[in-house]
Amino acid sequence: MFKRTRYQTGCLTSEKRKAGPDAWIFRWRDGQNANRKMVVGTFQQYRTKAAAMKAVETKRIEINKESWRPTTVQQLTVHYEQTELPRKTPYTQQVYLGYLTKWILPEWGGQLLGNVRTVPVEEWLKACQLANGTKAKLRNLPTSLTIRQEILPFRQHLTRGILKWEARNVGR
């Protein structure tokens, strides 16, 4: 009988320690349904549960690598930084990380991939006080993020609509 693969979010709890500061503990089940846990860090390292959850995101992706598919721009970016970006030259890595951390993630990081639409991206790019070449790079970077993951709806929204929009405005 076919067994359904499940996406595991895990559980983040706080635990008191006999020696040292309290710690954040991440718990999950492995493929054989055995309970696993790992220490994420201390309360001094991660003052809030949200900060500790952000630190666990890479482990959560690793646990769910067969069934995992990014749902937000932030998750897609984390995956890209771990798997695709190391294949680029050091200079390209530095430039792409700069674009991601300074421009794309603050504006779009929390957005669900399916909710990213062409018109808001166009308006955001128009409002950015940047050179046209930089805007083009900001527009094209999400496309390179999604190509290897085959996230077609996100790629279609960004590239097809904006490229059509640019083709209409070339003569202006």
N, C-alpha and C. Protein backbone atom coordinates (compact mmCIF):
# COMPACT_ATOMS: atom_id res chain seq x y z
N MET A 1 0.84 -1.18 0.00
CA MET A 1 0.00 0.00 0.00
C MET A 1 0.88 1.24 0.00
N PHE A 2 0.45 2.27 -0.73
CA PHE A 2 1.19 3.51 -0.85
C PHE A 2 1.10 4.31 0.44
N LYS A 3 2.23 4.74 0.94
CA LYS A 3 2.25 5.54 2.15
C LYS A 3 2.47 7.00 1.78
N ARG A 4 1.62 7.86 2.23
CA ARG A 4 1.69 9.28 1.92
C ARG A 4 2.86 9.93 2.64
N THR A 5 3.62 10.73 1.91
CA THR A 5 4.69 11.48 2.56
C THR A 5 4.08 12.71 3.20
N ARG A 6 4.57 13.05 4.36
CA ARG A 6 4.01 14.16 5.09
C ARG A 6 5.06 15.24 5.26
N TYR A 7 4.61 16.46 5.21
CA TYR A 7 5.50 17.58 5.50
C TYR A 7 5.50 17.79 7.00
N GLN A 8 6.68 17.80 7.58
CA GLN A 8 6.80 17.96 9.02
C GLN A 8 7.24 19.38 9.35
N THR A 9 6.50 20.00 10.22
CA THR A 9 6.91 21.33 10.67
C THR A 9 7.74 21.21 11.94
N GLY A 10 7.62 20.10 12.64
CA GLY A 10 8.37 19.92 13.88
C GLY A 10 7.76 20.72 15.01
N CYS A 11 8.44 20.72 16.12
CA CYS A 11 7.96 21.39 17.32
C CYS A 11 9.15 22.07 17.99
N LEU A 12 9.00 23.32 18.33
CA LEU A 12 10.06 24.06 19.01
C LEU A 12 9.61 24.33 20.43
N THR A 13 10.40 23.85 21.40
CA THR A 13 10.07 24.04 22.80
C THR A 13 11.27 24.61 23.54
N SER A 14 11.00 25.13 24.73
CA SER A 14 12.09 25.59 25.59
C SER A 14 12.35 24.53 26.65
N GLU A 15 13.59 24.43 27.04
CA GLU A 15 13.96 23.42 28.01
C GLU A 15 14.93 24.02 29.02
N LYS A 16 14.66 23.76 30.28
CA LYS A 16 15.56 24.25 31.33
C LYS A 16 16.76 23.33 31.40
N ARG A 17 17.91 23.89 31.66
CA ARG A 17 19.16 23.13 31.76
C ARG A 17 19.66 23.16 33.20
N LYS A 18 20.30 22.06 33.60
CA LYS A 18 20.90 22.02 34.94
C LYS A 18 22.07 22.99 35.01
N ALA A 19 22.88 22.94 33.97
CA ALA A 19 24.04 23.84 33.93
C ALA A 19 23.92 24.71 32.67
N GLY A 20 24.03 25.98 32.83
CA GLY A 20 23.97 26.87 31.69
C GLY A 20 22.57 27.44 31.48
N PRO A 21 22.46 28.30 30.47
CA PRO A 21 21.17 28.95 30.21
C PRO A 21 20.16 27.98 29.57
N ASP A 22 18.88 28.35 29.68
CA ASP A 22 17.82 27.57 29.05
C ASP A 22 18.06 27.51 27.55
N ALA A 23 17.53 26.47 26.89
CA ALA A 23 17.80 26.27 25.47
C ALA A 23 16.50 26.02 24.70
N TRP A 24 16.56 26.31 23.40
CA TRP A 24 15.49 25.98 22.47
C TRP A 24 15.76 24.60 21.91
N ILE A 25 14.73 23.73 21.91
CA ILE A 25 14.86 22.36 21.42
C ILE A 25 13.88 22.17 20.26
N PHE A 26 14.38 21.62 19.17
CA PHE A 26 13.55 21.31 18.01
C PHE A 26 13.33 19.81 17.97
N ARG A 27 12.07 19.38 17.89
CA ARG A 27 11.72 17.95 17.87
C ARG A 27 10.97 17.61 16.58
N TRP A 28 11.25 16.40 16.06
CA TRP A 28 10.58 15.90 14.86
C TRP A 28 10.64 14.39 14.84
N ARG A 29 9.96 13.77 13.86
CA ARG A 29 9.99 12.32 13.68
C ARG A 29 10.74 12.02 12.40
N ASP A 30 11.59 11.01 12.44
CA ASP A 30 12.32 10.64 11.22
C ASP A 30 11.49 9.66 10.40
N GLY A 31 12.05 9.13 9.31
CA GLY A 31 11.33 8.25 8.40
C GLY A 31 10.84 6.96 9.04
N GLN A 32 11.49 6.51 10.11
CA GLN A 32 11.07 5.28 10.80
C GLN A 32 10.20 5.58 12.01
N ASN A 33 9.64 6.78 12.05
CA ASN A 33 8.78 7.25 13.14
C ASN A 33 9.48 7.29 14.50
N ALA A 34 10.79 7.43 14.49
CA ALA A 34 11.51 7.60 15.75
C ALA A 34 11.54 9.09 16.09
N ASN A 35 11.38 9.38 17.37
CA ASN A 35 11.44 10.77 17.81
C ASN A 35 12.88 11.25 17.81
N ARG A 36 13.11 12.42 17.26
CA ARG A 36 14.44 13.03 17.22
C ARG A 36 14.35 14.41 17.82
N LYS A 37 15.49 14.89 18.29
CA LYS A 37 15.54 16.26 18.78
C LYS A 37 16.94 16.81 18.60
N MET A 38 17.02 18.14 18.54
CA MET A 38 18.31 18.81 18.47
C MET A 38 18.22 20.13 19.22
N VAL A 39 19.33 20.54 19.77
CA VAL A 39 19.40 21.82 20.46
C VAL A 39 19.63 22.89 19.40
N VAL A 40 18.73 23.86 19.34
CA VAL A 40 18.84 24.94 18.36
C VAL A 40 19.82 25.99 18.86
N GLY A 41 19.71 26.35 20.12
CA GLY A 41 20.58 27.35 20.72
C GLY A 41 20.01 27.78 22.05
N THR A 42 20.70 28.67 22.69
CA THR A 42 20.26 29.15 24.01
C THR A 42 19.32 30.33 23.85
N PHE A 43 18.71 30.70 24.97
CA PHE A 43 17.84 31.87 24.98
C PHE A 43 18.65 33.14 24.73
N GLN A 44 19.92 33.11 25.05
CA GLN A 44 20.77 34.27 24.80
C GLN A 44 21.04 34.43 23.30
N GLN A 45 21.17 33.31 22.59
CA GLN A 45 21.40 33.37 21.15
C GLN A 45 20.13 33.76 20.40
N TYR A 46 19.00 33.18 20.78
CA TYR A 46 17.71 33.43 20.13
C TYR A 46 16.74 33.89 21.20
N ARG A 47 16.52 35.17 21.28
CA ARG A 47 15.70 35.73 22.35
C ARG A 47 14.21 35.45 22.17
N THR A 48 13.77 35.25 20.94
CA THR A 48 12.35 34.99 20.71
C THR A 48 12.17 33.64 20.03
N LYS A 49 10.96 33.11 20.13
CA LYS A 49 10.66 31.84 19.49
C LYS A 49 10.73 31.99 17.97
N ALA A 50 10.34 33.16 17.47
CA ALA A 50 10.39 33.41 16.02
C ALA A 50 11.83 33.35 15.51
N ALA A 51 12.77 33.89 16.26
CA ALA A 51 14.17 33.86 15.85
C ALA A 51 14.70 32.42 15.84
N ALA A 52 14.30 31.64 16.83
CA ALA A 52 14.72 30.24 16.88
C ALA A 52 14.09 29.45 15.74
N MET A 53 12.83 29.73 15.41
CA MET A 53 12.18 29.05 14.28
C MET A 53 12.87 29.37 12.97
N LYS A 54 13.33 30.60 12.81
CA LYS A 54 14.05 30.98 11.61
C LYS A 54 15.36 30.20 11.51
N ALA A 55 16.01 29.98 12.64
CA ALA A 55 17.26 29.23 12.67
C ALA A 55 17.04 27.76 12.33
N VAL A 56 15.86 27.25 12.60
CA VAL A 56 15.53 25.84 12.36
C VAL A 56 15.09 25.58 10.91
N GLU A 57 14.82 26.64 10.16
CA GLU A 57 14.27 26.49 8.80
C GLU A 57 15.12 25.56 7.93
N THR A 58 16.43 25.66 8.00
CA THR A 58 17.28 24.80 7.17
C THR A 58 17.15 23.33 7.58
N LYS A 59 17.04 23.07 8.86
CA LYS A 59 16.86 21.69 9.33
C LYS A 59 15.51 21.15 8.87
N ARG A 60 14.48 21.98 8.91
CA ARG A 60 13.15 21.57 8.47
C ARG A 60 13.18 21.20 6.99
N ILE A 61 13.89 21.95 6.19
CA ILE A 61 14.02 21.64 4.76
C ILE A 61 14.72 20.30 4.59
N GLU A 62 15.78 20.08 5.37
CA GLU A 62 16.53 18.82 5.29
C GLU A 62 15.66 17.62 5.66
N ILE A 63 14.85 17.77 6.70
CA ILE A 63 13.97 16.69 7.15
C ILE A 63 12.96 16.34 6.06
N ASN A 64 12.45 17.34 5.38
CA ASN A 64 11.39 17.15 4.40
C ASN A 64 11.88 17.20 2.96
N LYS A 65 13.12 16.83 2.72
CA LYS A 65 13.66 17.06 1.37
C LYS A 65 12.92 16.32 0.27
N GLU A 66 12.31 15.18 0.53
CA GLU A 66 11.55 14.50 -0.52
C GLU A 66 10.22 15.19 -0.79
N SER A 67 9.57 15.67 0.25
CA SER A 67 8.24 16.25 0.07
C SER A 67 8.24 17.76 0.17
N TRP A 68 9.37 18.37 0.43
CA TRP A 68 9.41 19.81 0.65
C TRP A 68 9.32 20.57 -0.66
N ARG A 69 8.55 21.61 -0.62
CA ARG A 69 8.45 22.55 -1.73
C ARG A 69 8.27 23.92 -1.10
N PRO A 70 9.06 24.90 -1.52
CA PRO A 70 8.95 26.22 -0.88
C PRO A 70 7.57 26.83 -1.10
N THR A 71 7.08 27.51 -0.07
CA THR A 71 5.78 28.15 -0.19
C THR A 71 5.89 29.67 -0.14
N THR A 72 6.97 30.19 0.44
CA THR A 72 7.15 31.63 0.50
C THR A 72 8.43 32.02 -0.23
N VAL A 73 8.55 33.28 -0.53
CA VAL A 73 9.75 33.79 -1.17
C VAL A 73 10.95 33.58 -0.24
N GLN A 74 10.76 33.75 1.06
CA GLN A 74 11.82 33.54 2.05
C GLN A 74 12.34 32.10 1.99
N GLN A 75 11.44 31.14 1.99
CA GLN A 75 11.86 29.73 1.94
C GLN A 75 12.60 29.42 0.63
N LEU A 76 12.11 29.97 -0.45
CA LEU A 76 12.76 29.76 -1.74
C LEU A 76 14.16 30.34 -1.73
N THR A 77 14.32 31.49 -1.11
CA THR A 77 15.62 32.15 -1.04
C THR A 77 16.59 31.36 -0.18
N VAL A 78 16.12 30.86 0.96
CA VAL A 78 16.98 30.04 1.83
C VAL A 78 17.47 28.81 1.06
N HIS A 79 16.56 28.16 0.36
CA HIS A 79 16.94 26.99 -0.42
C HIS A 79 17.94 27.35 -1.51
N TYR A 80 17.72 28.46 -2.18
CA TYR A 80 18.62 28.91 -3.25
C TYR A 80 20.01 29.19 -2.69
N GLU A 81 20.07 29.85 -1.54
CA GLU A 81 21.36 30.17 -0.92
C GLU A 81 22.14 28.91 -0.56
N GLN A 82 21.43 27.85 -0.17
CA GLN A 82 22.11 26.62 0.25
C GLN A 82 22.49 25.72 -0.92
N THR A 83 21.68 25.66 -1.97
CA THR A 83 21.91 24.68 -3.02
C THR A 83 22.47 25.27 -4.30
N GLU A 84 21.95 26.39 -4.75
CA GLU A 84 22.34 26.93 -6.05
C GLU A 84 23.45 27.97 -5.97
N LEU A 85 23.38 28.84 -4.99
CA LEU A 85 24.33 29.95 -4.90
C LEU A 85 25.78 29.51 -4.74
N PRO A 86 26.08 28.43 -4.00
CA PRO A 86 27.48 28.02 -3.89
C PRO A 86 28.12 27.63 -5.22
N ARG A 87 27.33 27.35 -6.24
CA ARG A 87 27.87 27.00 -7.55
C ARG A 87 28.32 28.22 -8.34
N LYS A 88 27.93 29.39 -7.90
CA LYS A 88 28.28 30.63 -8.59
C LYS A 88 29.66 31.11 -8.14
N THR A 89 30.21 32.06 -8.89
CA THR A 89 31.51 32.63 -8.50
C THR A 89 31.33 33.45 -7.22
N PRO A 90 32.41 33.65 -6.47
CA PRO A 90 32.28 34.43 -5.22
C PRO A 90 31.71 35.82 -5.43
N TYR A 91 32.09 36.48 -6.51
CA TYR A 91 31.55 37.82 -6.78
C TYR A 91 30.05 37.77 -7.03
N THR A 92 29.61 36.81 -7.84
CA THR A 92 28.18 36.66 -8.13
C THR A 92 27.41 36.34 -6.86
N GLN A 93 27.98 35.50 -6.00
CA GLN A 93 27.34 35.19 -4.72
C GLN A 93 27.14 36.46 -3.91
N GLN A 94 28.17 37.27 -3.84
CA GLN A 94 28.10 38.51 -3.06
C GLN A 94 27.04 39.45 -3.62
N VAL A 95 27.00 39.61 -4.94
CA VAL A 95 26.03 40.51 -5.57
C VAL A 95 24.61 39.99 -5.35
N TYR A 96 24.38 38.70 -5.60
CA TYR A 96 23.04 38.14 -5.45
C TYR A 96 22.56 38.22 -4.01
N LEU A 97 23.45 37.93 -3.06
CA LEU A 97 23.06 38.04 -1.65
C LEU A 97 22.70 39.48 -1.30
N GLY A 98 23.42 40.42 -1.87
CA GLY A 98 23.10 41.83 -1.65
C GLY A 98 21.72 42.18 -2.18
N TYR A 99 21.40 41.74 -3.40
CA TYR A 99 20.08 41.99 -3.97
C TYR A 99 18.99 41.35 -3.11
N LEU A 100 19.25 40.12 -2.70
CA LEU A 100 18.24 39.40 -1.92
C LEU A 100 18.01 40.06 -0.56
N THR A 101 19.08 40.34 0.17
CA THR A 101 18.92 40.86 1.53
C THR A 101 18.49 42.31 1.58
N LYS A 102 18.93 43.12 0.61
CA LYS A 102 18.61 44.55 0.66
C LYS A 102 17.29 44.89 -0.01
N TRP A 103 16.95 44.19 -1.09
CA TRP A 103 15.79 44.59 -1.87
C TRP A 103 14.65 43.58 -1.87
N ILE A 104 14.94 42.35 -2.23
CA ILE A 104 13.86 41.38 -2.47
C ILE A 104 13.22 40.87 -1.17
N LEU A 105 14.04 40.40 -0.23
CA LEU A 105 13.47 39.82 1.00
C LEU A 105 12.70 40.83 1.86
N PRO A 106 13.20 42.05 2.06
CA PRO A 106 12.40 42.97 2.87
C PRO A 106 11.01 43.25 2.28
N GLU A 107 10.91 43.26 0.97
CA GLU A 107 9.64 43.57 0.32
C GLU A 107 8.77 42.34 0.10
N TRP A 108 9.38 41.20 -0.30
CA TRP A 108 8.62 40.05 -0.75
C TRP A 108 8.84 38.79 0.07
N GLY A 109 9.73 38.79 1.07
CA GLY A 109 10.09 37.58 1.81
C GLY A 109 8.93 36.82 2.42
N GLY A 110 7.97 37.51 2.99
CA GLY A 110 6.85 36.85 3.64
C GLY A 110 5.71 36.46 2.70
N GLN A 111 5.80 36.86 1.45
CA GLN A 111 4.73 36.58 0.49
C GLN A 111 4.70 35.11 0.09
N LEU A 112 3.51 34.55 -0.01
CA LEU A 112 3.36 33.21 -0.57
C LEU A 112 3.69 33.28 -2.06
N LEU A 113 4.36 32.26 -2.57
CA LEU A 113 4.76 32.28 -3.97
C LEU A 113 3.58 32.45 -4.91
N GLY A 114 2.47 31.81 -4.60
CA GLY A 114 1.29 31.91 -5.44
C GLY A 114 0.63 33.27 -5.41
N ASN A 115 0.95 34.10 -4.42
CA ASN A 115 0.34 35.42 -4.29
C ASN A 115 1.16 36.53 -4.93
N VAL A 116 2.36 36.23 -5.40
CA VAL A 116 3.19 37.25 -6.03
C VAL A 116 2.66 37.47 -7.44
N ARG A 117 2.25 38.69 -7.72
CA ARG A 117 1.64 39.02 -9.01
C ARG A 117 2.46 40.07 -9.75
N THR A 118 2.23 40.14 -11.03
CA THR A 118 3.01 41.00 -11.91
C THR A 118 2.85 42.49 -11.60
N VAL A 119 1.64 42.96 -11.47
CA VAL A 119 1.40 44.39 -11.29
C VAL A 119 2.06 44.93 -10.02
N PRO A 120 1.91 44.29 -8.87
CA PRO A 120 2.61 44.81 -7.69
C PRO A 120 4.14 44.81 -7.85
N VAL A 121 4.68 43.81 -8.54
CA VAL A 121 6.12 43.77 -8.76
C VAL A 121 6.53 44.92 -9.67
N GLU A 122 5.75 45.17 -10.72
CA GLU A 122 6.04 46.29 -11.62
C GLU A 122 6.02 47.62 -10.86
N GLU A 123 5.00 47.81 -10.04
CA GLU A 123 4.88 49.05 -9.28
C GLU A 123 6.04 49.21 -8.31
N TRP A 124 6.43 48.12 -7.67
CA TRP A 124 7.56 48.16 -6.75
C TRP A 124 8.84 48.53 -7.50
N LEU A 125 9.06 47.92 -8.66
CA LEU A 125 10.26 48.24 -9.43
C LEU A 125 10.27 49.69 -9.89
N LYS A 126 9.10 50.20 -10.29
CA LYS A 126 9.03 51.61 -10.70
C LYS A 126 9.35 52.54 -9.54
N ALA A 127 8.91 52.17 -8.35
CA ALA A 127 9.12 53.02 -7.17
C ALA A 127 10.57 52.99 -6.67
N CYS A 128 11.31 51.94 -7.02
CA CYS A 128 12.71 51.83 -6.59
C CYS A 128 13.54 52.89 -7.32
N GLN A 129 14.32 53.63 -6.58
CA GLN A 129 15.19 54.65 -7.17
C GLN A 129 16.52 54.01 -7.54
N LEU A 130 16.49 53.20 -8.59
CA LEU A 130 17.68 52.46 -9.03
C LEU A 130 17.84 52.61 -10.54
N ALA A 131 19.04 52.28 -11.00
CA ALA A 131 19.29 52.29 -12.44
C ALA A 131 18.47 51.18 -13.10
N ASN A 132 18.17 51.37 -14.38
CA ASN A 132 17.36 50.38 -15.10
C ASN A 132 18.03 49.01 -15.12
N GLY A 133 19.36 48.97 -15.22
CA GLY A 133 20.07 47.68 -15.22
C GLY A 133 19.90 46.94 -13.90
N THR A 134 19.94 47.68 -12.80
CA THR A 134 19.75 47.07 -11.48
C THR A 134 18.32 46.57 -11.34
N LYS A 135 17.36 47.34 -11.82
CA LYS A 135 15.97 46.90 -11.78
C LYS A 135 15.79 45.61 -12.58
N ALA A 136 16.45 45.52 -13.73
CA ALA A 136 16.35 44.32 -14.54
C ALA A 136 16.92 43.12 -13.79
N LYS A 137 18.02 43.32 -13.08
CA LYS A 137 18.61 42.23 -12.29
C LYS A 137 17.69 41.82 -11.15
N LEU A 138 17.08 42.81 -10.49
CA LEU A 138 16.13 42.49 -9.43
C LEU A 138 14.93 41.73 -9.98
N ARG A 139 14.51 42.08 -11.18
CA ARG A 139 13.38 41.40 -11.81
C ARG A 139 13.74 39.97 -12.19
N ASN A 140 14.96 39.76 -12.69
CA ASN A 140 15.36 38.45 -13.20
C ASN A 140 15.83 37.48 -12.13
N LEU A 141 16.27 37.96 -10.99
CA LEU A 141 16.78 37.06 -9.95
C LEU A 141 15.72 36.08 -9.47
N PRO A 142 14.47 36.49 -9.19
CA PRO A 142 13.47 35.48 -8.80
C PRO A 142 13.25 34.41 -9.86
N THR A 143 13.42 34.76 -11.12
CA THR A 143 13.28 33.76 -12.18
C THR A 143 14.35 32.69 -12.03
N SER A 144 15.59 33.11 -11.77
CA SER A 144 16.65 32.11 -11.60
C SER A 144 16.44 31.30 -10.32
N LEU A 145 15.78 31.89 -9.33
CA LEU A 145 15.46 31.14 -8.11
C LEU A 145 14.47 30.02 -8.38
N THR A 146 13.55 30.26 -9.29
CA THR A 146 12.46 29.31 -9.50
C THR A 146 12.70 28.30 -10.61
N ILE A 147 13.62 28.56 -11.51
CA ILE A 147 13.81 27.67 -12.66
C ILE A 147 14.15 26.26 -12.22
N ARG A 148 15.15 26.09 -11.36
CA ARG A 148 15.56 24.75 -10.95
C ARG A 148 14.52 24.07 -10.08
N GLN A 149 13.69 24.84 -9.39
CA GLN A 149 12.64 24.25 -8.55
C GLN A 149 11.37 23.95 -9.34
N GLU A 150 11.31 24.42 -10.60
CA GLU A 150 10.16 24.21 -11.47
C GLU A 150 8.87 24.73 -10.84
N ILE A 151 8.96 25.92 -10.28
CA ILE A 151 7.79 26.56 -9.70
C ILE A 151 7.23 27.47 -10.78
N LEU A 152 6.49 26.89 -11.68
CA LEU A 152 6.05 27.60 -12.88
C LEU A 152 5.09 28.75 -12.61
N PRO A 153 4.09 28.62 -11.74
CA PRO A 153 3.19 29.75 -11.57
C PRO A 153 3.93 31.01 -11.14
N PHE A 154 4.86 30.90 -10.21
CA PHE A 154 5.62 32.07 -9.75
C PHE A 154 6.43 32.63 -10.90
N ARG A 155 7.10 31.77 -11.63
CA ARG A 155 7.94 32.22 -12.73
C ARG A 155 7.09 32.86 -13.83
N GLN A 156 5.94 32.28 -14.12
CA GLN A 156 5.08 32.85 -15.15
C GLN A 156 4.59 34.24 -14.76
N HIS A 157 4.19 34.39 -13.50
CA HIS A 157 3.69 35.70 -13.07
C HIS A 157 4.76 36.76 -13.25
N LEU A 158 5.96 36.47 -12.80
CA LEU A 158 6.99 37.49 -12.83
C LEU A 158 7.53 37.74 -14.23
N THR A 159 7.90 36.70 -14.94
CA THR A 159 8.59 36.93 -16.20
C THR A 159 7.65 37.28 -17.34
N ARG A 160 6.61 36.52 -17.55
CA ARG A 160 5.75 36.76 -18.70
C ARG A 160 5.08 38.13 -18.64
N GLY A 161 4.50 38.44 -17.50
CA GLY A 161 3.81 39.72 -17.39
C GLY A 161 4.74 40.91 -17.49
N ILE A 162 5.86 40.86 -16.82
CA ILE A 162 6.78 41.99 -16.84
C ILE A 162 7.43 42.12 -18.20
N LEU A 163 7.80 41.00 -18.81
CA LEU A 163 8.42 41.08 -20.13
C LEU A 163 7.43 41.65 -21.15
N LYS A 164 6.16 41.28 -21.05
CA LYS A 164 5.16 41.85 -21.94
C LYS A 164 5.03 43.35 -21.67
N TRP A 165 5.02 43.72 -20.41
CA TRP A 165 4.90 45.12 -20.03
C TRP A 165 6.08 45.91 -20.59
N GLU A 166 7.29 45.36 -20.49
CA GLU A 166 8.46 46.05 -21.01
C GLU A 166 8.40 46.18 -22.52
N ALA A 167 7.91 45.13 -23.20
CA ALA A 167 7.81 45.19 -24.66
C ALA A 167 6.86 46.30 -25.09
N ARG A 168 5.80 46.54 -24.33
CA ARG A 168 4.86 47.60 -24.67
C ARG A 168 5.47 48.98 -24.47
N ASN A 169 6.41 49.10 -23.52
CA ASN A 169 6.96 50.41 -23.16
C ASN A 169 8.34 50.69 -23.74
N VAL A 170 8.80 49.90 -24.68
CA VAL A 170 10.13 50.10 -25.23
C VAL A 170 10.24 51.42 -25.96
N GLY A 171 9.24 51.81 -26.72
CA GLY A 171 9.32 53.03 -27.53
C GLY A 171 9.11 54.31 -26.76
N ARG A 172 8.84 54.26 -25.49
CA ARG A 172 8.51 55.48 -24.72
C ARG A 172 9.73 56.18 -24.22
